[in-house]
Amino acid sequence: MEEKDYTPEIFTLTDEEGNEQEFELMDIMEDNGTVYYALVPYTEDPDAMIEEDTELVVLKVGEENGEEFLATIDNDEEYERIGQLFIQRISEMLEGDEDEEESEA
């Protein structure tokens, strides 16, 4: 069986208190002209990420003075809607990966 070489895209984000944390990019999508990122806390052990109840962090791309940045979504309805879209997309991606593994076995 062939192993896929996977290199995660890691973002270091700083919260309001100045604490830094690393996140792994899971997906990016655009909705109504706004770009959104789905991230999960990064761990070097992918099995630990699967076993833990990992929280999906959804941020949107903002722009100020020509510079892009990731920002929280303040509107609860927007956050819920976009979060559900990401969960659906990521679930479909994971199901596709499982189907590929089963067909290769």
PDB file of N, CA and C in Angstrom:
ATOM      1  N   MET A   1       0.842  -1.181   0.000  1.00  0.00           N
ATOM      2  CA  MET A   1       0.000   0.000   0.000  1.00  0.00           C
ATOM      3  C   MET A   1       0.890   1.249   0.000  1.00  0.00           C
ATOM      4  N   GLU A   2       0.556   2.198  -0.835  1.00  0.00           N
ATOM      5  CA  GLU A   2       1.332   3.422  -0.976  1.00  0.00           C
ATOM      6  C   GLU A   2       0.902   4.457   0.060  1.00  0.00           C
ATOM      7  N   GLU A   3       1.874   5.024   0.781  1.00  0.00           N
ATOM      8  CA  GLU A   3       1.566   6.082   1.744  1.00  0.00           C
ATOM      9  C   GLU A   3       1.632   7.423   1.048  1.00  0.00           C
ATOM     10  N   LYS A   4       0.679   8.277   1.388  1.00  0.00           N
ATOM     11  CA  LYS A   4       0.662   9.614   0.813  1.00  0.00           C
ATOM     12  C   LYS A   4       1.533  10.532   1.658  1.00  0.00           C
ATOM     13  N   ASP A   5       2.332  11.336   0.983  1.00  0.00           N
ATOM     14  CA  ASP A   5       3.155  12.315   1.681  1.00  0.00           C
ATOM     15  C   ASP A   5       2.291  13.530   1.965  1.00  0.00           C
ATOM     16  N   TYR A   6       2.138  13.845   3.240  1.00  0.00           N
ATOM     17  CA  TYR A   6       1.254  14.941   3.630  1.00  0.00           C
ATOM     18  C   TYR A   6       2.033  15.949   4.461  1.00  0.00           C
ATOM     19  N   THR A   7       1.999  17.191   4.040  1.00  0.00           N
ATOM     20  CA  THR A   7       2.610  18.278   4.786  1.00  0.00           C
ATOM     21  C   THR A   7       1.515  19.281   5.125  1.00  0.00           C
ATOM     22  N   PRO A   8       1.157  19.369   6.407  1.00  0.00           N
ATOM     23  CA  PRO A   8       0.066  20.276   6.769  1.00  0.00           C
ATOM     24  C   PRO A   8       0.474  21.743   6.625  1.00  0.00           C
ATOM     25  N   GLU A   9      -0.521  22.578   6.320  1.00  0.00           N
ATOM     26  CA  GLU A   9      -0.290  24.015   6.288  1.00  0.00           C
ATOM     27  C   GLU A   9      -0.622  24.550   7.678  1.00  0.00           C
ATOM     28  N   ILE A  10       0.397  25.113   8.338  1.00  0.00           N
ATOM     29  CA  ILE A  10       0.266  25.541   9.731  1.00  0.00           C
ATOM     30  C   ILE A  10       0.226  27.067   9.816  1.00  0.00           C
ATOM     31  N   PHE A  11      -0.696  27.558  10.630  1.00  0.00           N
ATOM     32  CA  PHE A  11      -0.818  28.983  10.908  1.00  0.00           C
ATOM     33  C   PHE A  11      -0.579  29.191  12.397  1.00  0.00           C
ATOM     34  N   THR A  12       0.208  30.198  12.744  1.00  0.00           N
ATOM     35  CA  THR A  12       0.364  30.593  14.140  1.00  0.00           C
ATOM     36  C   THR A  12      -0.496  31.825  14.349  1.00  0.00           C
ATOM     37  N   LEU A  13      -1.494  31.676  15.214  1.00  0.00           N
ATOM     38  CA  LEU A  13      -2.424  32.770  15.476  1.00  0.00           C
ATOM     39  C   LEU A  13      -2.223  33.301  16.876  1.00  0.00           C
ATOM     40  N   THR A  14      -2.444  34.587  17.047  1.00  0.00           N
ATOM     41  CA  THR A  14      -2.306  35.247  18.337  1.00  0.00           C
ATOM     42  C   THR A  14      -3.685  35.732  18.774  1.00  0.00           C
ATOM     43  N   ASP A  15      -4.083  35.349  20.001  1.00  0.00           N
ATOM     44  CA  ASP A  15      -5.392  35.779  20.497  1.00  0.00           C
ATOM     45  C   ASP A  15      -5.301  37.169  21.118  1.00  0.00           C
ATOM     46  N   GLU A  16      -6.441  37.644  21.652  1.00  0.00           N
ATOM     47  CA  GLU A  16      -6.497  38.997  22.207  1.00  0.00           C
ATOM     48  C   GLU A  16      -5.548  39.214  23.382  1.00  0.00           C
ATOM     49  N   GLU A  17      -5.214  38.115  24.100  1.00  0.00           N
ATOM     50  CA  GLU A  17      -4.294  38.228  25.241  1.00  0.00           C
ATOM     51  C   GLU A  17      -2.837  38.091  24.845  1.00  0.00           C
ATOM     52  N   GLY A  18      -2.572  37.915  23.547  1.00  0.00           N
ATOM     53  CA  GLY A  18      -1.190  37.794  23.077  1.00  0.00           C
ATOM     54  C   GLY A  18      -0.655  36.373  23.088  1.00  0.00           C
ATOM     55  N   ASN A  19      -1.510  35.377  23.371  1.00  0.00           N
ATOM     56  CA  ASN A  19      -1.097  33.976  23.380  1.00  0.00           C
ATOM     57  C   ASN A  19      -1.069  33.433  21.960  1.00  0.00           C
ATOM     58  N   GLU A  20       0.021  32.744  21.619  1.00  0.00           N
ATOM     59  CA  GLU A  20       0.151  32.153  20.294  1.00  0.00           C
ATOM     60  C   GLU A  20      -0.219  30.685  20.341  1.00  0.00           C
ATOM     61  N   GLN A  21      -0.893  30.220  19.285  1.00  0.00           N
ATOM     62  CA  GLN A  21      -1.233  28.811  19.158  1.00  0.00           C
ATOM     63  C   GLN A  21      -1.154  28.441  17.688  1.00  0.00           C
ATOM     64  N   GLU A  22      -0.709  27.209  17.422  1.00  0.00           N
ATOM     65  CA  GLU A  22      -0.604  26.741  16.052  1.00  0.00           C
ATOM     66  C   GLU A  22      -1.885  26.021  15.645  1.00  0.00           C
ATOM     67  N   PHE A  23      -2.307  26.272  14.399  1.00  0.00           N
ATOM     68  CA  PHE A  23      -3.497  25.647  13.839  1.00  0.00           C
ATOM     69  C   PHE A  23      -3.168  25.054  12.488  1.00  0.00           C
ATOM     70  N   GLU A  24      -3.824  23.950  12.172  1.00  0.00           N
ATOM     71  CA  GLU A  24      -3.674  23.314  10.869  1.00  0.00           C
ATOM     72  C   GLU A  24      -4.855  23.698   9.994  1.00  0.00           C
ATOM     73  N   LEU A  25      -4.564  24.089   8.777  1.00  0.00           N
ATOM     74  CA  LEU A  25      -5.603  24.443   7.824  1.00  0.00           C
ATOM     75  C   LEU A  25      -6.283  23.178   7.327  1.00  0.00           C
ATOM     76  N   MET A  26      -7.616  23.142   7.448  1.00  0.00           N
ATOM     77  CA  MET A  26      -8.392  21.998   6.974  1.00  0.00           C
ATOM     78  C   MET A  26      -9.046  22.275   5.619  1.00  0.00           C
ATOM     79  N   ASP A  27      -9.514  23.507   5.427  1.00  0.00           N
ATOM     80  CA  ASP A  27     -10.230  23.825   4.203  1.00  0.00           C
ATOM     81  C   ASP A  27     -10.347  25.343   4.055  1.00  0.00           C
ATOM     82  N   ILE A  28     -10.564  25.784   2.832  1.00  0.00           N
ATOM     83  CA  ILE A  28     -10.811  27.195   2.513  1.00  0.00           C
ATOM     84  C   ILE A  28     -12.009  27.216   1.574  1.00  0.00           C
ATOM     85  N   MET A  29     -12.908  28.169   1.790  1.00  0.00           N
ATOM     86  CA  MET A  29     -14.010  28.329   0.844  1.00  0.00           C
ATOM     87  C   MET A  29     -14.419  29.787   0.770  1.00  0.00           C
ATOM     88  N   GLU A  30     -15.100  30.111  -0.316  1.00  0.00           N
ATOM     89  CA  GLU A  30     -15.611  31.459  -0.516  1.00  0.00           C
ATOM     90  C   GLU A  30     -17.133  31.395  -0.503  1.00  0.00           C
ATOM     91  N   ASP A  31     -17.756  32.350   0.157  1.00  0.00           N
ATOM     92  CA  ASP A  31     -19.209  32.429   0.208  1.00  0.00           C
ATOM     93  C   ASP A  31     -19.608  33.901   0.156  1.00  0.00           C
ATOM     94  N   ASN A  32     -20.402  34.255  -0.828  1.00  0.00           N
ATOM     95  CA  ASN A  32     -20.871  35.647  -0.992  1.00  0.00           C
ATOM     96  C   ASN A  32     -19.720  36.660  -0.999  1.00  0.00           C
ATOM     97  N   GLY A  33     -18.614  36.303  -1.662  1.00  0.00           N
ATOM     98  CA  GLY A  33     -17.498  37.219  -1.801  1.00  0.00           C
ATOM     99  C   GLY A  33     -16.552  37.280  -0.615  1.00  0.00           C
ATOM    100  N   THR A  34     -16.817  36.492   0.427  1.00  0.00           N
ATOM    101  CA  THR A  34     -15.937  36.457   1.600  1.00  0.00           C
ATOM    102  C   THR A  34     -15.235  35.106   1.643  1.00  0.00           C
ATOM    103  N   VAL A  35     -13.928  35.114   1.942  1.00  0.00           N
ATOM    104  CA  VAL A  35     -13.142  33.888   2.038  1.00  0.00           C
ATOM    105  C   VAL A  35     -13.071  33.474   3.501  1.00  0.00           C
ATOM    106  N   TYR A  36     -13.306  32.179   3.747  1.00  0.00           N
ATOM    107  CA  TYR A  36     -13.299  31.626   5.102  1.00  0.00           C
ATOM    108  C   TYR A  36     -12.275  30.506   5.197  1.00  0.00           C
ATOM    109  N   TYR A  37     -11.661  30.387   6.369  1.00  0.00           N
ATOM    110  CA  TYR A  37     -10.694  29.328   6.653  1.00  0.00           C
ATOM    111  C   TYR A  37     -11.248  28.458   7.769  1.00  0.00           C
ATOM    112  N   ALA A  38     -11.111  27.144   7.611  1.00  0.00           N
ATOM    113  CA  ALA A  38     -11.434  26.187   8.673  1.00  0.00           C
ATOM    114  C   ALA A  38     -10.105  25.647   9.202  1.00  0.00           C
ATOM    115  N   LEU A  39      -9.889  25.804  10.500  1.00  0.00           N
ATOM    116  CA  LEU A  39      -8.637  25.391  11.135  1.00  0.00           C
ATOM    117  C   LEU A  39      -8.932  24.533  12.358  1.00  0.00           C
ATOM    118  N   VAL A  40      -7.976  23.684  12.714  1.00  0.00           N
ATOM    119  CA  VAL A  40      -8.047  22.924  13.957  1.00  0.00           C
ATOM    120  C   VAL A  40      -6.728  23.102  14.687  1.00  0.00           C
ATOM    121  N   PRO A  41      -6.746  23.026  16.027  1.00  0.00           N
ATOM    122  CA  PRO A  41      -5.478  23.111  16.761  1.00  0.00           C
ATOM    123  C   PRO A  41      -4.505  22.050  16.233  1.00  0.00           C
ATOM    124  N   TYR A  42      -3.273  22.453  16.001  1.00  0.00           N
ATOM    125  CA  TYR A  42      -2.272  21.566  15.399  1.00  0.00           C
ATOM    126  C   TYR A  42      -1.646  20.650  16.437  1.00  0.00           C
ATOM    127  N   THR A  43      -1.503  19.405  16.037  1.00  0.00           N
ATOM    128  CA  THR A  43      -0.729  18.439  16.803  1.00  0.00           C
ATOM    129  C   THR A  43       0.101  17.632  15.814  1.00  0.00           C
ATOM    130  N   GLU A  44       1.292  17.221  16.227  1.00  0.00           N
ATOM    131  CA  GLU A  44       2.152  16.457  15.329  1.00  0.00           C
ATOM    132  C   GLU A  44       1.667  15.022  15.173  1.00  0.00           C
ATOM    133  N   ASP A  45       0.793  14.571  16.088  1.00  0.00           N
ATOM    134  CA  ASP A  45       0.255  13.223  16.052  1.00  0.00           C
ATOM    135  C   ASP A  45      -1.154  13.251  15.462  1.00  0.00           C
ATOM    136  N   PRO A  46      -1.316  12.872  14.190  1.00  0.00           N
ATOM    137  CA  PRO A  46      -2.640  12.948  13.568  1.00  0.00           C
ATOM    138  C   PRO A  46      -3.677  12.062  14.250  1.00  0.00           C
ATOM    139  N   ASP A  47      -3.245  10.939  14.821  1.00  0.00           N
ATOM    140  CA  ASP A  47      -4.189  10.072  15.531  1.00  0.00           C
ATOM    141  C   ASP A  47      -4.755  10.770  16.759  1.00  0.00           C
ATOM    142  N   ALA A  48      -3.951  11.567  17.434  1.00  0.00           N
ATOM    143  CA  ALA A  48      -4.431  12.299  18.612  1.00  0.00           C
ATOM    144  C   ALA A  48      -5.490  13.310  18.200  1.00  0.00           C
ATOM    145  N   MET A  49      -5.324  13.925  17.046  1.00  0.00           N
ATOM    146  CA  MET A  49      -6.303  14.894  16.574  1.00  0.00           C
ATOM    147  C   MET A  49      -7.636  14.204  16.303  1.00  0.00           C
ATOM    148  N   ILE A  50      -7.593  13.001  15.751  1.00  0.00           N
ATOM    149  CA  ILE A  50      -8.811  12.262  15.445  1.00  0.00           C
ATOM    150  C   ILE A  50      -9.486  11.784  16.727  1.00  0.00           C
ATOM    151  N   GLU A  51      -8.687  11.294  17.691  1.00  0.00           N
ATOM    152  CA  GLU A  51      -9.236  10.756  18.930  1.00  0.00           C
ATOM    153  C   GLU A  51      -9.804  11.839  19.834  1.00  0.00           C
ATOM    154  N   GLU A  52      -9.203  13.016  19.837  1.00  0.00           N
ATOM    155  CA  GLU A  52      -9.675  14.102  20.685  1.00  0.00           C
ATOM    156  C   GLU A  52     -10.912  14.734  20.065  1.00  0.00           C
ATOM    157  N   ASP A  53     -11.693  15.394  20.900  1.00  0.00           N
ATOM    158  CA  ASP A  53     -12.853  16.134  20.418  1.00  0.00           C
ATOM    159  C   ASP A  53     -12.337  17.492  19.941  1.00  0.00           C
ATOM    160  N   THR A  54     -11.796  17.504  18.717  1.00  0.00           N
ATOM    161  CA  THR A  54     -11.141  18.684  18.177  1.00  0.00           C
ATOM    162  C   THR A  54     -12.159  19.721  17.751  1.00  0.00           C
ATOM    163  N   GLU A  55     -11.919  20.953  18.168  1.00  0.00           N
ATOM    164  CA  GLU A  55     -12.812  22.056  17.826  1.00  0.00           C
ATOM    165  C   GLU A  55     -12.393  22.660  16.497  1.00  0.00           C
ATOM    166  N   LEU A  56     -13.367  22.868  15.634  1.00  0.00           N
ATOM    167  CA  LEU A  56     -13.128  23.520  14.359  1.00  0.00           C
ATOM    168  C   LEU A  56     -13.197  25.026  14.573  1.00  0.00           C
ATOM    169  N   VAL A  57     -12.165  25.728  14.150  1.00  0.00           N
ATOM    170  CA  VAL A  57     -12.119  27.183  14.267  1.00  0.00           C
ATOM    171  C   VAL A  57     -12.358  27.757  12.881  1.00  0.00           C
ATOM    172  N   VAL A  58     -13.364  28.614  12.763  1.00  0.00           N
ATOM    173  CA  VAL A  58     -13.705  29.217  11.477  1.00  0.00           C
ATOM    174  C   VAL A  58     -13.405  30.711  11.557  1.00  0.00           C
ATOM    175  N   LEU A  59     -12.576  31.169  10.631  1.00  0.00           N
ATOM    176  CA  LEU A  59     -12.201  32.583  10.567  1.00  0.00           C
ATOM    177  C   LEU A  59     -12.453  33.090   9.155  1.00  0.00           C
ATOM    178  N   LYS A  60     -12.601  34.400   9.031  1.00  0.00           N
ATOM    179  CA  LYS A  60     -12.764  34.967   7.700  1.00  0.00           C
ATOM    180  C   LYS A  60     -11.607  35.896   7.393  1.00  0.00           C
ATOM    181  N   VAL A  61     -11.352  36.064   6.098  1.00  0.00           N
ATOM    182  CA  VAL A  61     -10.274  36.930   5.653  1.00  0.00           C
ATOM    183  C   VAL A  61     -10.796  38.360   5.620  1.00  0.00           C
ATOM    184  N   GLY A  62     -10.062  39.232   6.280  1.00  0.00           N
ATOM    185  CA  GLY A  62     -10.358  40.654   6.246  1.00  0.00           C
ATOM    186  C   GLY A  62      -9.207  41.378   5.584  1.00  0.00           C
ATOM    187  N   GLU A  63      -9.408  42.636   5.285  1.00  0.00           N
ATOM    188  CA  GLU A  63      -8.342  43.422   4.663  1.00  0.00           C
ATOM    189  C   GLU A  63      -8.325  44.809   5.277  1.00  0.00           C
ATOM    190  N   GLU A  64      -7.120  45.252   5.584  1.00  0.00           N
ATOM    191  CA  GLU A  64      -6.929  46.595   6.129  1.00  0.00           C
ATOM    192  C   GLU A  64      -5.643  47.160   5.558  1.00  0.00           C
ATOM    193  N   ASN A  65      -5.719  48.327   4.956  1.00  0.00           N
ATOM    194  CA  ASN A  65      -4.557  48.978   4.343  1.00  0.00           C
ATOM    195  C   ASN A  65      -3.852  48.060   3.340  1.00  0.00           C
ATOM    196  N   GLY A  66      -4.641  47.291   2.586  1.00  0.00           N
ATOM    197  CA  GLY A  66      -4.083  46.400   1.581  1.00  0.00           C
ATOM    198  C   GLY A  66      -3.500  45.113   2.134  1.00  0.00           C
ATOM    199  N   GLU A  67      -3.534  44.912   3.437  1.00  0.00           N
ATOM    200  CA  GLU A  67      -2.999  43.709   4.077  1.00  0.00           C
ATOM    201  C   GLU A  67      -4.146  42.786   4.465  1.00  0.00           C
ATOM    202  N   GLU A  68      -4.028  41.503   4.125  1.00  0.00           N
ATOM    203  CA  GLU A  68      -5.035  40.530   4.523  1.00  0.00           C
ATOM    204  C   GLU A  68      -4.716  39.994   5.913  1.00  0.00           C
ATOM    205  N   PHE A  69      -5.782  39.676   6.670  1.00  0.00           N
ATOM    206  CA  PHE A  69      -5.628  39.083   7.991  1.00  0.00           C
ATOM    207  C   PHE A  69      -6.816  38.172   8.262  1.00  0.00           C
ATOM    208  N   LEU A  70      -6.657  37.253   9.210  1.00  0.00           N
ATOM    209  CA  LEU A  70      -7.753  36.376   9.608  1.00  0.00           C
ATOM    210  C   LEU A  70      -8.464  36.999  10.798  1.00  0.00           C
ATOM    211  N   ALA A  71      -9.792  37.014  10.740  1.00  0.00           N
ATOM    212  CA  ALA A  71     -10.586  37.654  11.790  1.00  0.00           C
ATOM    213  C   ALA A  71     -11.691  36.707  12.248  1.00  0.00           C
ATOM    214  N   THR A  72     -12.118  36.893  13.486  1.00  0.00           N
ATOM    215  CA  THR A  72     -13.237  36.117  13.998  1.00  0.00           C
ATOM    216  C   THR A  72     -14.524  36.564  13.317  1.00  0.00           C
ATOM    217  N   ILE A  73     -15.504  35.697  13.343  1.00  0.00           N
ATOM    218  CA  ILE A  73     -16.816  36.012  12.784  1.00  0.00           C
ATOM    219  C   ILE A  73     -17.703  36.411  13.946  1.00  0.00           C
ATOM    220  N   ASP A  74     -18.103  37.663  13.988  1.00  0.00           N
ATOM    221  CA  ASP A  74     -18.879  38.180  15.110  1.00  0.00           C
ATOM    222  C   ASP A  74     -20.367  37.855  15.020  1.00  0.00           C
ATOM    223  N   ASN A  75     -20.869  37.618  13.830  1.00  0.00           N
ATOM    224  CA  ASN A  75     -22.282  37.333  13.626  1.00  0.00           C
ATOM    225  C   ASN A  75     -22.534  35.836  13.866  1.00  0.00           C
ATOM    226  N   ASP A  76     -23.350  35.509  14.887  1.00  0.00           N
ATOM    227  CA  ASP A  76     -23.598  34.107  15.243  1.00  0.00           C
ATOM    228  C   ASP A  76     -24.231  33.313  14.106  1.00  0.00           C
ATOM    229  N   GLU A  77     -25.163  33.936  13.389  1.00  0.00           N
ATOM    230  CA  GLU A  77     -25.840  33.248  12.284  1.00  0.00           C
ATOM    231  C   GLU A  77     -24.844  32.915  11.169  1.00  0.00           C
ATOM    232  N   GLU A  78     -23.985  33.870  10.840  1.00  0.00           N
ATOM    233  CA  GLU A  78     -22.957  33.649   9.810  1.00  0.00           C
ATOM    234  C   GLU A  78     -22.003  32.549  10.250  1.00  0.00           C
ATOM    235  N   TYR A  79     -21.574  32.591  11.521  1.00  0.00           N
ATOM    236  CA  TYR A  79     -20.641  31.582  12.042  1.00  0.00           C
ATOM    237  C   TYR A  79     -21.246  30.179  11.962  1.00  0.00           C
ATOM    238  N   GLU A  80     -22.496  30.039  12.389  1.00  0.00           N
ATOM    239  CA  GLU A  80     -23.166  28.738  12.351  1.00  0.00           C
ATOM    240  C   GLU A  80     -23.318  28.228  10.924  1.00  0.00           C
ATOM    241  N   ARG A  81     -23.730  29.096  10.022  1.00  0.00           N
ATOM    242  CA  ARG A  81     -23.951  28.709   8.633  1.00  0.00           C
ATOM    243  C   ARG A  81     -22.647  28.254   7.977  1.00  0.00           C
ATOM    244  N   ILE A  82     -21.609  29.055   8.127  1.00  0.00           N
ATOM    245  CA  ILE A  82     -20.321  28.727   7.509  1.00  0.00           C
ATOM    246  C   ILE A  82     -19.712  27.498   8.190  1.00  0.00           C
ATOM    247  N   GLY A  83     -19.828  27.420   9.507  1.00  0.00           N
ATOM    248  CA  GLY A  83     -19.303  26.253  10.232  1.00  0.00           C
ATOM    249  C   GLY A  83     -19.944  24.962   9.750  1.00  0.00           C
ATOM    250  N   GLN A  84     -21.267  24.970   9.551  1.00  0.00           N
ATOM    251  CA  GLN A  84     -21.958  23.779   9.061  1.00  0.00           C
ATOM    252  C   GLN A  84     -21.517  23.416   7.641  1.00  0.00           C
ATOM    253  N   LEU A  85     -21.307  24.421   6.805  1.00  0.00           N
ATOM    254  CA  LEU A  85     -20.811  24.153   5.452  1.00  0.00           C
ATOM    255  C   LEU A  85     -19.441  23.482   5.497  1.00  0.00           C
ATOM    256  N   PHE A  86     -18.550  23.977   6.359  1.00  0.00           N
ATOM    257  CA  PHE A  86     -17.221  23.365   6.488  1.00  0.00           C
ATOM    258  C   PHE A  86     -17.317  21.943   7.025  1.00  0.00           C
ATOM    259  N   ILE A  87     -18.141  21.730   8.039  1.00  0.00           N
ATOM    260  CA  ILE A  87     -18.274  20.386   8.612  1.00  0.00           C
ATOM    261  C   ILE A  87     -18.746  19.411   7.539  1.00  0.00           C
ATOM    262  N   GLN A  88     -19.704  19.818   6.745  1.00  0.00           N
ATOM    263  CA  GLN A  88     -20.210  18.975   5.670  1.00  0.00           C
ATOM    264  C   GLN A  88     -19.103  18.682   4.648  1.00  0.00           C
ATOM    265  N   ARG A  89     -18.381  19.727   4.238  1.00  0.00           N
ATOM    266  CA  ARG A  89     -17.308  19.554   3.246  1.00  0.00           C
ATOM    267  C   ARG A  89     -16.195  18.654   3.775  1.00  0.00           C
ATOM    268  N   ILE A  90     -15.793  18.861   5.015  1.00  0.00           N
ATOM    269  CA  ILE A  90     -14.703  18.065   5.592  1.00  0.00           C
ATOM    270  C   ILE A  90     -15.144  16.617   5.767  1.00  0.00           C
ATOM    271  N   SER A  91     -16.387  16.405   6.197  1.00  0.00           N
ATOM    272  CA  SER A  91     -16.909  15.038   6.329  1.00  0.00           C
ATOM    273  C   SER A  91     -16.884  14.323   4.988  1.00  0.00           C
ATOM    274  N   GLU A  92     -17.279  15.020   3.930  1.00  0.00           N
ATOM    275  CA  GLU A  92     -17.263  14.428   2.593  1.00  0.00           C
ATOM    276  C   GLU A  92     -15.841  14.097   2.153  1.00  0.00           C
ATOM    277  N   MET A  93     -14.886  14.974   2.472  1.00  0.00           N
ATOM    278  CA  MET A  93     -13.485  14.714   2.123  1.00  0.00           C
ATOM    279  C   MET A  93     -12.975  13.480   2.855  1.00  0.00           C
ATOM    280  N   LEU A  94     -13.291  13.372   4.159  1.00  0.00           N
ATOM    281  CA  LEU A  94     -12.836  12.228   4.949  1.00  0.00           C
ATOM    282  C   LEU A  94     -13.488  10.943   4.472  1.00  0.00           C
ATOM    283  N   GLU A  95     -14.765  10.985   4.112  1.00  0.00           N
ATOM    284  CA  GLU A  95     -15.439   9.798   3.577  1.00  0.00           C
ATOM    285  C   GLU A  95     -14.792   9.379   2.263  1.00  0.00           C
ATOM    286  N   GLY A  96     -14.406  10.339   1.434  1.00  0.00           N
ATOM    287  CA  GLY A  96     -13.727  10.035   0.185  1.00  0.00           C
ATOM    288  C   GLY A  96     -12.387   9.365   0.418  1.00  0.00           C
ATOM    289  N   ASP A  97     -11.646   9.823   1.436  1.00  0.00           N
ATOM    290  CA  ASP A  97     -10.365   9.212   1.785  1.00  0.00           C
ATOM    291  C   ASP A  97     -10.566   7.779   2.250  1.00  0.00           C
ATOM    292  N   GLU A  98     -11.614   7.523   3.053  1.00  0.00           N
ATOM    293  CA  GLU A  98     -11.891   6.166   3.533  1.00  0.00           C
ATOM    294  C   GLU A  98     -12.249   5.256   2.370  1.00  0.00           C
ATOM    295  N   ASP A  99     -13.044   5.754   1.413  1.00  0.00           N
ATOM    296  CA  ASP A  99     -13.418   4.961   0.246  1.00  0.00           C
ATOM    297  C   ASP A  99     -12.186   4.591  -0.564  1.00  0.00           C
ATOM    298  N   GLU A 100     -11.239   5.534  -0.723  1.00  0.00           N
ATOM    299  CA  GLU A 100      -9.995   5.275  -1.462  1.00  0.00           C
ATOM    300  C   GLU A 100      -9.183   4.194  -0.772  1.00  0.00           C
ATOM    301  N   GLU A 101      -9.078   4.279   0.572  1.00  0.00           N
ATOM    302  CA  GLU A 101      -8.298   3.290   1.327  1.00  0.00           C
ATOM    303  C   GLU A 101      -8.913   1.913   1.194  1.00  0.00           C
ATOM    304  N   GLU A 102     -10.248   1.832   1.253  1.00  0.00           N
ATOM    305  CA  GLU A 102     -10.910   0.534   1.123  1.00  0.00           C
ATOM    306  C   GLU A 102     -10.707  -0.062  -0.255  1.00  0.00           C
ATOM    307  N   SER A 103     -10.749   0.745  -1.298  1.00  0.00           N
ATOM    308  CA  SER A 103     -10.584   0.229  -2.664  1.00  0.00           C
ATOM    309  C   SER A 103      -9.137  -0.184  -2.929  1.00  0.00           C
ATOM    310  N   GLU A 104      -8.170   0.395  -2.190  1.00  0.00           N
ATOM    311  CA  GLU A 104      -6.765   0.031  -2.368  1.00  0.00           C
ATOM    312  C   GLU A 104      -6.412  -1.239  -1.618  1.00  0.00           C
ATOM    313  N   ALA A 105      -7.208  -1.598  -0.601  1.00  0.00           N
ATOM    314  CA  ALA A 105      -6.902  -2.776   0.232  1.00  0.00           C
ATOM    315  C   ALA A 105      -7.207  -4.065  -0.472  1.00  0.00           C
TER     316      ALA A 105
END
